Amino acid sequence: MEIINENGKSKTIPNDFVLALTGYKPNFEFLKMLGIHISDDEKRLPEYNPETMETNISNLYLAGVICGGMETHKWFIENSRIHAKMIIANILGNKHT
């Protein structure tokens, strides 16, 4: 059983096991298949505009850990939450605030 806190209330969720999914390697072949440019160095950084998160492909955006290529330690939930706001602002034609 897993006990979680949701909106100040404890909730029990039955489960048989929990998977701790640690470690991550971006699927660069998939990004290339989409046409996203990837740097040739060991960092393998995907090309995107850091102000809008739009890739070199119009209307195709990246968010989260994938933006760091092989530097998977740079982006986390805590510091990449802003990506969604940036993407939506760009889609709506607004300047990111």
PDB file of N, CA and C in Angstrom:
ATOM      1  N   MET A   1       0.835  -1.178   0.000  1.00  0.00           N
ATOM      2  CA  MET A   1       0.000   0.000   0.000  1.00  0.00           C
ATOM      3  C   MET A   1       0.882   1.244   0.000  1.00  0.00           C
ATOM      4  N   GLU A   2       0.384   2.241  -0.673  1.00  0.00           N
ATOM      5  CA  GLU A   2       1.064   3.531  -0.747  1.00  0.00           C
ATOM      6  C   GLU A   2       0.149   4.564  -0.103  1.00  0.00           C
ATOM      7  N   ILE A   3       0.705   5.369   0.780  1.00  0.00           N
ATOM      8  CA  ILE A   3      -0.066   6.435   1.417  1.00  0.00           C
ATOM      9  C   ILE A   3       0.449   7.756   0.854  1.00  0.00           C
ATOM     10  N   ILE A   4      -0.461   8.527   0.289  1.00  0.00           N
ATOM     11  CA  ILE A   4      -0.089   9.827  -0.266  1.00  0.00           C
ATOM     12  C   ILE A   4      -0.922  10.912   0.402  1.00  0.00           C
ATOM     13  N   ASN A   5      -0.431  12.132   0.337  1.00  0.00           N
ATOM     14  CA  ASN A   5      -1.159  13.271   0.876  1.00  0.00           C
ATOM     15  C   ASN A   5      -1.678  14.073  -0.302  1.00  0.00           C
ATOM     16  N   GLU A   6      -2.985  14.218  -0.378  1.00  0.00           N
ATOM     17  CA  GLU A   6      -3.616  14.953  -1.468  1.00  0.00           C
ATOM     18  C   GLU A   6      -4.521  16.014  -0.876  1.00  0.00           C
ATOM     19  N   ASN A   7      -4.181  17.277  -1.127  1.00  0.00           N
ATOM     20  CA  ASN A   7      -4.959  18.409  -0.615  1.00  0.00           C
ATOM     21  C   ASN A   7      -5.148  18.338   0.901  1.00  0.00           C
ATOM     22  N   GLY A   8      -4.092  17.960   1.602  1.00  0.00           N
ATOM     23  CA  GLY A   8      -4.136  17.909   3.064  1.00  0.00           C
ATOM     24  C   GLY A   8      -4.802  16.681   3.640  1.00  0.00           C
ATOM     25  N   LYS A   9      -5.226  15.745   2.789  1.00  0.00           N
ATOM     26  CA  LYS A   9      -5.877  14.526   3.265  1.00  0.00           C
ATOM     27  C   LYS A   9      -5.034  13.319   2.879  1.00  0.00           C
ATOM     28  N   SER A  10      -4.886  12.388   3.804  1.00  0.00           N
ATOM     29  CA  SER A  10      -4.166  11.152   3.504  1.00  0.00           C
ATOM     30  C   SER A  10      -5.055  10.228   2.685  1.00  0.00           C
ATOM     31  N   LYS A  11      -4.429   9.593   1.705  1.00  0.00           N
ATOM     32  CA  LYS A  11      -5.160   8.680   0.834  1.00  0.00           C
ATOM     33  C   LYS A  11      -4.306   7.424   0.667  1.00  0.00           C
ATOM     34  N   THR A  12      -4.913   6.265   0.819  1.00  0.00           N
ATOM     35  CA  THR A  12      -4.205   4.996   0.665  1.00  0.00           C
ATOM     36  C   THR A  12      -4.527   4.396  -0.693  1.00  0.00           C
ATOM     37  N   ILE A  13      -3.485   4.043  -1.405  1.00  0.00           N
ATOM     38  CA  ILE A  13      -3.647   3.432  -2.729  1.00  0.00           C
ATOM     39  C   ILE A  13      -3.045   2.032  -2.686  1.00  0.00           C
ATOM     40  N   PRO A  14      -3.844   1.002  -2.950  1.00  0.00           N
ATOM     41  CA  PRO A  14      -3.287  -0.356  -2.956  1.00  0.00           C
ATOM     42  C   PRO A  14      -2.372  -0.552  -4.169  1.00  0.00           C
ATOM     43  N   ASN A  15      -1.270  -1.239  -3.944  1.00  0.00           N
ATOM     44  CA  ASN A  15      -0.363  -1.570  -5.045  1.00  0.00           C
ATOM     45  C   ASN A  15       0.460  -2.803  -4.674  1.00  0.00           C
ATOM     46  N   ASP A  16       0.936  -3.505  -5.679  1.00  0.00           N
ATOM     47  CA  ASP A  16       1.756  -4.689  -5.454  1.00  0.00           C
ATOM     48  C   ASP A  16       3.228  -4.340  -5.309  1.00  0.00           C
ATOM     49  N   PHE A  17       3.663  -3.294  -6.022  1.00  0.00           N
ATOM     50  CA  PHE A  17       5.054  -2.865  -5.936  1.00  0.00           C
ATOM     51  C   PHE A  17       5.178  -1.462  -6.500  1.00  0.00           C
ATOM     52  N   VAL A  18       6.313  -0.832  -6.230  1.00  0.00           N
ATOM     53  CA  VAL A  18       6.602   0.504  -6.732  1.00  0.00           C
ATOM     54  C   VAL A  18       7.886   0.427  -7.542  1.00  0.00           C
ATOM     55  N   LEU A  19       7.867   1.021  -8.724  1.00  0.00           N
ATOM     56  CA  LEU A  19       9.071   1.071  -9.552  1.00  0.00           C
ATOM     57  C   LEU A  19       9.765   2.408  -9.343  1.00  0.00           C
ATOM     58  N   ALA A  20      10.995   2.365  -8.906  1.00  0.00           N
ATOM     59  CA  ALA A  20      11.788   3.589  -8.791  1.00  0.00           C
ATOM     60  C   ALA A  20      12.527   3.748 -10.113  1.00  0.00           C
ATOM     61  N   LEU A  21      11.993   4.571 -10.987  1.00  0.00           N
ATOM     62  CA  LEU A  21      12.563   4.742 -12.326  1.00  0.00           C
ATOM     63  C   LEU A  21      13.602   5.854 -12.286  1.00  0.00           C
ATOM     64  N   THR A  22      14.831   5.460 -12.104  1.00  0.00           N
ATOM     65  CA  THR A  22      15.919   6.425 -12.060  1.00  0.00           C
ATOM     66  C   THR A  22      16.811   6.199 -13.261  1.00  0.00           C
ATOM     67  N   GLY A  23      17.407   7.265 -13.716  1.00  0.00           N
ATOM     68  CA  GLY A  23      18.249   7.177 -14.903  1.00  0.00           C
ATOM     69  C   GLY A  23      17.418   7.474 -16.139  1.00  0.00           C
ATOM     70  N   TYR A  24      18.065   8.065 -17.109  1.00  0.00           N
ATOM     71  CA  TYR A  24      17.332   8.478 -18.300  1.00  0.00           C
ATOM     72  C   TYR A  24      18.324   8.711 -19.421  1.00  0.00           C
ATOM     73  N   LYS A  25      18.004   8.249 -20.596  1.00  0.00           N
ATOM     74  CA  LYS A  25      18.787   8.548 -21.783  1.00  0.00           C
ATOM     75  C   LYS A  25      17.804   8.959 -22.865  1.00  0.00           C
ATOM     76  N   PRO A  26      17.966  10.193 -23.381  1.00  0.00           N
ATOM     77  CA  PRO A  26      17.031  10.676 -24.404  1.00  0.00           C
ATOM     78  C   PRO A  26      17.016   9.786 -25.643  1.00  0.00           C
ATOM     79  N   ASN A  27      15.885   9.738 -26.299  1.00  0.00           N
ATOM     80  CA  ASN A  27      15.744   8.978 -27.536  1.00  0.00           C
ATOM     81  C   ASN A  27      16.107   9.906 -28.701  1.00  0.00           C
ATOM     82  N   PHE A  28      17.406  10.014 -28.964  1.00  0.00           N
ATOM     83  CA  PHE A  28      17.900  10.923 -29.995  1.00  0.00           C
ATOM     84  C   PHE A  28      17.449  10.513 -31.387  1.00  0.00           C
ATOM     85  N   GLU A  29      17.309   9.231 -31.624  1.00  0.00           N
ATOM     86  CA  GLU A  29      16.859   8.778 -32.948  1.00  0.00           C
ATOM     87  C   GLU A  29      15.445   9.274 -33.236  1.00  0.00           C
ATOM     88  N   PHE A  30      14.601   9.270 -32.225  1.00  0.00           N
ATOM     89  CA  PHE A  30      13.245   9.777 -32.397  1.00  0.00           C
ATOM     90  C   PHE A  30      13.268  11.278 -32.714  1.00  0.00           C
ATOM     91  N   LEU A  31      14.079  12.037 -31.956  1.00  0.00           N
ATOM     92  CA  LEU A  31      14.177  13.474 -32.212  1.00  0.00           C
ATOM     93  C   LEU A  31      14.689  13.746 -33.627  1.00  0.00           C
ATOM     94  N   LYS A  32      15.689  12.984 -34.050  1.00  0.00           N
ATOM     95  CA  LYS A  32      16.221  13.141 -35.412  1.00  0.00           C
ATOM     96  C   LYS A  32      15.162  12.794 -36.457  1.00  0.00           C
ATOM     97  N   MET A  33      14.397  11.756 -36.190  1.00  0.00           N
ATOM     98  CA  MET A  33      13.345  11.344 -37.116  1.00  0.00           C
ATOM     99  C   MET A  33      12.315  12.477 -37.295  1.00  0.00           C
ATOM    100  N   LEU A  34      12.096  13.245 -36.244  1.00  0.00           N
ATOM    101  CA  LEU A  34      11.189  14.380 -36.314  1.00  0.00           C
ATOM    102  C   LEU A  34      11.813  15.560 -37.056  1.00  0.00           C
ATOM    103  N   GLY A  35      13.144  15.512 -37.226  1.00  0.00           N
ATOM    104  CA  GLY A  35      13.850  16.584 -37.918  1.00  0.00           C
ATOM    105  C   GLY A  35      14.539  17.571 -37.001  1.00  0.00           C
ATOM    106  N   ILE A  36      14.536  17.299 -35.705  1.00  0.00           N
ATOM    107  CA  ILE A  36      15.190  18.192 -34.751  1.00  0.00           C
ATOM    108  C   ILE A  36      16.702  18.020 -34.877  1.00  0.00           C
ATOM    109  N   HIS A  37      17.403  19.136 -34.995  1.00  0.00           N
ATOM    110  CA  HIS A  37      18.862  19.094 -35.061  1.00  0.00           C
ATOM    111  C   HIS A  37      19.437  18.772 -33.684  1.00  0.00           C
ATOM    112  N   ILE A  38      20.422  17.896 -33.666  1.00  0.00           N
ATOM    113  CA  ILE A  38      21.100  17.489 -32.432  1.00  0.00           C
ATOM    114  C   ILE A  38      22.579  17.813 -32.594  1.00  0.00           C
ATOM    115  N   SER A  39      23.204  18.404 -31.564  1.00  0.00           N
ATOM    116  CA  SER A  39      24.623  18.736 -31.661  1.00  0.00           C
ATOM    117  C   SER A  39      25.446  17.463 -31.816  1.00  0.00           C
ATOM    118  N   ASP A  40      26.566  17.578 -32.507  1.00  0.00           N
ATOM    119  CA  ASP A  40      27.420  16.424 -32.786  1.00  0.00           C
ATOM    120  C   ASP A  40      28.394  16.109 -31.661  1.00  0.00           C
ATOM    121  N   ASP A  41      28.466  16.948 -30.645  1.00  0.00           N
ATOM    122  CA  ASP A  41      29.405  16.700 -29.552  1.00  0.00           C
ATOM    123  C   ASP A  41      28.825  15.717 -28.535  1.00  0.00           C
ATOM    124  N   GLU A  42      29.550  15.499 -27.461  1.00  0.00           N
ATOM    125  CA  GLU A  42      29.121  14.519 -26.456  1.00  0.00           C
ATOM    126  C   GLU A  42      27.883  14.965 -25.687  1.00  0.00           C
ATOM    127  N   LYS A  43      27.559  16.249 -25.731  1.00  0.00           N
ATOM    128  CA  LYS A  43      26.374  16.738 -25.019  1.00  0.00           C
ATOM    129  C   LYS A  43      25.080  16.390 -25.742  1.00  0.00           C
ATOM    130  N   ARG A  44      25.142  16.244 -27.071  1.00  0.00           N
ATOM    131  CA  ARG A  44      23.987  15.878 -27.897  1.00  0.00           C
ATOM    132  C   ARG A  44      22.773  16.761 -27.614  1.00  0.00           C
ATOM    133  N   LEU A  45      22.996  18.057 -27.595  1.00  0.00           N
ATOM    134  CA  LEU A  45      21.925  19.008 -27.291  1.00  0.00           C
ATOM    135  C   LEU A  45      20.978  19.182 -28.463  1.00  0.00           C
ATOM    136  N   PRO A  46      19.680  19.081 -28.219  1.00  0.00           N
ATOM    137  CA  PRO A  46      18.716  19.350 -29.289  1.00  0.00           C
ATOM    138  C   PRO A  46      18.636  20.859 -29.524  1.00  0.00           C
ATOM    139  N   GLU A  47      18.344  21.245 -30.755  1.00  0.00           N
ATOM    140  CA  GLU A  47      18.232  22.659 -31.090  1.00  0.00           C
ATOM    141  C   GLU A  47      16.841  23.162 -30.733  1.00  0.00           C
ATOM    142  N   TYR A  48      16.797  24.212 -29.922  1.00  0.00           N
ATOM    143  CA  TYR A  48      15.538  24.859 -29.576  1.00  0.00           C
ATOM    144  C   TYR A  48      15.831  26.291 -29.152  1.00  0.00           C
ATOM    145  N   ASN A  49      14.816  27.131 -29.239  1.00  0.00           N
ATOM    146  CA  ASN A  49      14.929  28.518 -28.829  1.00  0.00           C
ATOM    147  C   ASN A  49      14.699  28.570 -27.315  1.00  0.00           C
ATOM    148  N   PRO A  50      15.675  28.999 -26.528  1.00  0.00           N
ATOM    149  CA  PRO A  50      15.516  28.998 -25.071  1.00  0.00           C
ATOM    150  C   PRO A  50      14.472  29.990 -24.563  1.00  0.00           C
ATOM    151  N   GLU A  51      13.999  30.897 -25.417  1.00  0.00           N
ATOM    152  CA  GLU A  51      12.969  31.845 -25.000  1.00  0.00           C
ATOM    153  C   GLU A  51      11.560  31.319 -25.268  1.00  0.00           C
ATOM    154  N   THR A  52      11.424  30.398 -26.224  1.00  0.00           N
ATOM    155  CA  THR A  52      10.099  29.883 -26.590  1.00  0.00           C
ATOM    156  C   THR A  52       9.988  28.373 -26.465  1.00  0.00           C
ATOM    157  N   MET A  53      11.112  27.687 -26.408  1.00  0.00           N
ATOM    158  CA  MET A  53      11.222  26.225 -26.364  1.00  0.00           C
ATOM    159  C   MET A  53      10.873  25.578 -27.711  1.00  0.00           C
ATOM    160  N   GLU A  54      10.687  26.383 -28.756  1.00  0.00           N
ATOM    161  CA  GLU A  54      10.389  25.854 -30.089  1.00  0.00           C
ATOM    162  C   GLU A  54      11.679  25.330 -30.717  1.00  0.00           C
ATOM    163  N   THR A  55      11.601  24.166 -31.322  1.00  0.00           N
ATOM    164  CA  THR A  55      12.764  23.568 -31.977  1.00  0.00           C
ATOM    165  C   THR A  55      12.978  24.206 -33.345  1.00  0.00           C
ATOM    166  N   ASN A  56      13.942  23.689 -34.077  1.00  0.00           N
ATOM    167  CA  ASN A  56      14.172  24.154 -35.446  1.00  0.00           C
ATOM    168  C   ASN A  56      13.013  23.779 -36.371  1.00  0.00           C
ATOM    169  N   ILE A  57      12.087  22.972 -35.890  1.00  0.00           N
ATOM    170  CA  ILE A  57      10.877  22.627 -36.631  1.00  0.00           C
ATOM    171  C   ILE A  57       9.752  23.519 -36.120  1.00  0.00           C
ATOM    172  N   SER A  58       9.164  24.307 -36.984  1.00  0.00           N
ATOM    173  CA  SER A  58       8.101  25.226 -36.593  1.00  0.00           C
ATOM    174  C   SER A  58       6.965  24.484 -35.879  1.00  0.00           C
ATOM    175  N   ASN A  59       6.537  25.037 -34.758  1.00  0.00           N
ATOM    176  CA  ASN A  59       5.434  24.500 -33.939  1.00  0.00           C
ATOM    177  C   ASN A  59       5.741  23.165 -33.272  1.00  0.00           C
ATOM    178  N   LEU A  60       7.006  22.814 -33.150  1.00  0.00           N
ATOM    179  CA  LEU A  60       7.413  21.610 -32.416  1.00  0.00           C
ATOM    180  C   LEU A  60       8.273  22.080 -31.243  1.00  0.00           C
ATOM    181  N   TYR A  61       7.832  21.797 -30.039  1.00  0.00           N
ATOM    182  CA  TYR A  61       8.449  22.315 -28.827  1.00  0.00           C
ATOM    183  C   TYR A  61       9.037  21.181 -27.982  1.00  0.00           C
ATOM    184  N   LEU A  62      10.020  21.551 -27.166  1.00  0.00           N
ATOM    185  CA  LEU A  62      10.592  20.627 -26.199  1.00  0.00           C
ATOM    186  C   LEU A  62      10.418  21.206 -24.805  1.00  0.00           C
ATOM    187  N   ALA A  63      10.302  20.328 -23.819  1.00  0.00           N
ATOM    188  CA  ALA A  63      10.199  20.761 -22.429  1.00  0.00           C
ATOM    189  C   ALA A  63      10.832  19.707 -21.537  1.00  0.00           C
ATOM    190  N   GLY A  64      11.366  20.159 -20.428  1.00  0.00           N
ATOM    191  CA  GLY A  64      11.899  19.240 -19.433  1.00  0.00           C
ATOM    192  C   GLY A  64      13.292  18.748 -19.729  1.00  0.00           C
ATOM    193  N   VAL A  65      13.599  17.582 -19.204  1.00  0.00           N
ATOM    194  CA  VAL A  65      14.954  17.041 -19.208  1.00  0.00           C
ATOM    195  C   VAL A  65      15.516  16.830 -20.616  1.00  0.00           C
ATOM    196  N   ILE A  66      14.673  16.593 -21.591  1.00  0.00           N
ATOM    197  CA  ILE A  66      15.144  16.365 -22.963  1.00  0.00           C
ATOM    198  C   ILE A  66      15.932  17.564 -23.484  1.00  0.00           C
ATOM    199  N   CYS A  67      15.662  18.746 -22.975  1.00  0.00           N
ATOM    200  CA  CYS A  67      16.345  19.969 -23.425  1.00  0.00           C
ATOM    201  C   CYS A  67      17.833  19.946 -23.103  1.00  0.00           C
ATOM    202  N   GLY A  68      18.243  19.134 -22.157  1.00  0.00           N
ATOM    203  CA  GLY A  68      19.651  19.050 -21.770  1.00  0.00           C
ATOM    204  C   GLY A  68      20.441  18.009 -22.529  1.00  0.00           C
ATOM    205  N   GLY A  69      19.830  17.325 -23.484  1.00  0.00           N
ATOM    206  CA  GLY A  69      20.551  16.280 -24.209  1.00  0.00           C
ATOM    207  C   GLY A  69      21.092  15.244 -23.231  1.00  0.00           C
ATOM    208  N   MET A  70      22.395  14.969 -23.318  1.00  0.00           N
ATOM    209  CA  MET A  70      23.012  13.999 -22.408  1.00  0.00           C
ATOM    210  C   MET A  70      23.325  14.610 -21.045  1.00  0.00           C
ATOM    211  N   GLU A  71      23.158  15.910 -20.916  1.00  0.00           N
ATOM    212  CA  GLU A  71      23.350  16.558 -19.613  1.00  0.00           C
ATOM    213  C   GLU A  71      22.024  16.494 -18.850  1.00  0.00           C
ATOM    214  N   THR A  72      21.629  15.274 -18.524  1.00  0.00           N
ATOM    215  CA  THR A  72      20.315  15.022 -17.921  1.00  0.00           C
ATOM    216  C   THR A  72      20.204  15.557 -16.496  1.00  0.00           C
ATOM    217  N   HIS A  73      21.305  15.999 -15.935  1.00  0.00           N
ATOM    218  CA  HIS A  73      21.297  16.536 -14.574  1.00  0.00           C
ATOM    219  C   HIS A  73      20.903  18.014 -14.528  1.00  0.00           C
ATOM    220  N   LYS A  74      20.735  18.654 -15.672  1.00  0.00           N
ATOM    221  CA  LYS A  74      20.465  20.092 -15.708  1.00  0.00           C
ATOM    222  C   LYS A  74      19.000  20.453 -15.506  1.00  0.00           C
ATOM    223  N   TRP A  75      18.092  19.614 -15.968  1.00  0.00           N
ATOM    224  CA  TRP A  75      16.674  19.943 -15.901  1.00  0.00           C
ATOM    225  C   TRP A  75      15.932  18.953 -15.018  1.00  0.00           C
ATOM    226  N   PHE A  76      15.112  19.474 -14.143  1.00  0.00           N
ATOM    227  CA  PHE A  76      14.298  18.683 -13.236  1.00  0.00           C
ATOM    228  C   PHE A  76      12.890  19.271 -13.240  1.00  0.00           C
ATOM    229  N   ILE A  77      11.961  18.627 -12.583  1.00  0.00           N
ATOM    230  CA  ILE A  77      10.609  19.155 -12.459  1.00  0.00           C
ATOM    231  C   ILE A  77      10.658  20.559 -11.846  1.00  0.00           C
ATOM    232  N   GLU A  78      11.519  20.720 -10.849  1.00  0.00           N
ATOM    233  CA  GLU A  78      11.588  21.985 -10.125  1.00  0.00           C
ATOM    234  C   GLU A  78      12.023  23.160 -11.001  1.00  0.00           C
ATOM    235  N   ASN A  79      12.948  22.950 -11.914  1.00  0.00           N
ATOM    236  CA  ASN A  79      13.451  24.084 -12.691  1.00  0.00           C
ATOM    237  C   ASN A  79      12.999  24.078 -14.152  1.00  0.00           C
ATOM    238  N   SER A  80      12.181  23.127 -14.548  1.00  0.00           N
ATOM    239  CA  SER A  80      11.693  23.125 -15.929  1.00  0.00           C
ATOM    240  C   SER A  80      10.181  23.368 -16.022  1.00  0.00           C
ATOM    241  N   ARG A  81       9.560  23.629 -14.896  1.00  0.00           N
ATOM    242  CA  ARG A  81       8.118  23.899 -14.901  1.00  0.00           C
ATOM    243  C   ARG A  81       7.791  25.129 -15.740  1.00  0.00           C
ATOM    244  N   ILE A  82       8.730  26.035 -15.845  1.00  0.00           N
ATOM    245  CA  ILE A  82       8.531  27.264 -16.615  1.00  0.00           C
ATOM    246  C   ILE A  82       8.384  26.975 -18.110  1.00  0.00           C
ATOM    247  N   HIS A  83       8.879  25.836 -18.579  1.00  0.00           N
ATOM    248  CA  HIS A  83       8.812  25.514 -20.006  1.00  0.00           C
ATOM    249  C   HIS A  83       7.384  25.539 -20.532  1.00  0.00           C
ATOM    250  N   ALA A  84       6.456  25.025 -19.784  1.00  0.00           N
ATOM    251  CA  ALA A  84       5.056  24.984 -20.240  1.00  0.00           C
ATOM    252  C   ALA A  84       4.519  26.387 -20.469  1.00  0.00           C
ATOM    253  N   LYS A  85       4.788  27.313 -19.540  1.00  0.00           N
ATOM    254  CA  LYS A  85       4.338  28.693 -19.702  1.00  0.00           C
ATOM    255  C   LYS A  85       4.950  29.328 -20.941  1.00  0.00           C
ATOM    256  N   MET A  86       6.223  29.058 -21.167  1.00  0.00           N
ATOM    257  CA  MET A  86       6.918  29.627 -22.313  1.00  0.00           C
ATOM    258  C   MET A  86       6.315  29.110 -23.624  1.00  0.00           C
ATOM    259  N   ILE A  87       6.020  27.837 -23.653  1.00  0.00           N
ATOM    260  CA  ILE A  87       5.450  27.221 -24.859  1.00  0.00           C
ATOM    261  C   ILE A  87       4.052  27.777 -25.131  1.00  0.00           C
ATOM    262  N   ILE A  88       3.215  27.808 -24.108  1.00  0.00           N
ATOM    263  CA  ILE A  88       1.849  28.307 -24.284  1.00  0.00           C
ATOM    264  C   ILE A  88       1.865  29.771 -24.705  1.00  0.00           C
ATOM    265  N   ALA A  89       2.729  30.569 -24.073  1.00  0.00           N
ATOM    266  CA  ALA A  89       2.830  31.983 -24.439  1.00  0.00           C
ATOM    267  C   ALA A  89       3.213  32.125 -25.907  1.00  0.00           C
ATOM    268  N   ASN A  90       4.134  31.288 -26.376  1.00  0.00           N
ATOM    269  CA  ASN A  90       4.544  31.369 -27.773  1.00  0.00           C
ATOM    270  C   ASN A  90       3.423  30.951 -28.710  1.00  0.00           C
ATOM    271  N   ILE A  91       2.727  29.899 -28.354  1.00  0.00           N
ATOM    272  CA  ILE A  91       1.610  29.432 -29.181  1.00  0.00           C
ATOM    273  C   ILE A  91       0.527  30.500 -29.265  1.00  0.00           C
ATOM    274  N   LEU A  92       0.253  31.150 -28.169  1.00  0.00           N
ATOM    275  CA  LEU A  92      -0.786  32.179 -28.141  1.00  0.00           C
ATOM    276  C   LEU A  92      -0.299  33.528 -28.685  1.00  0.00           C
ATOM    277  N   GLY A  93       0.985  33.604 -28.997  1.00  0.00           N
ATOM    278  CA  GLY A  93       1.543  34.834 -29.554  1.00  0.00           C
ATOM    279  C   GLY A  93       1.847  35.896 -28.522  1.00  0.00           C
ATOM    280  N   ASN A  94       1.918  35.474 -27.262  1.00  0.00           N
ATOM    281  CA  ASN A  94       2.240  36.397 -26.186  1.00  0.00           C
ATOM    282  C   ASN A  94       3.711  36.328 -25.846  1.00  0.00           C
ATOM    283  N   LYS A  95       4.220  37.386 -25.299  1.00  0.00           N
ATOM    284  CA  LYS A  95       5.605  37.376 -24.828  1.00  0.00           C
ATOM    285  C   LYS A  95       5.646  36.708 -23.458  1.00  0.00           C
ATOM    286  N   HIS A  96       6.645  35.875 -23.254  1.00  0.00           N
ATOM    287  CA  HIS A  96       6.814  35.177 -21.973  1.00  0.00           C
ATOM    288  C   HIS A  96       7.032  36.185 -20.852  1.00  0.00           C
ATOM    289  N   THR A  97       6.351  35.985 -19.731  1.00  0.00           N
ATOM    290  CA  THR A  97       6.554  36.857 -18.572  1.00  0.00           C
ATOM    291  C   THR A  97       7.080  36.069 -17.419  1.00  0.00           C
TER     292      THR A  97
END
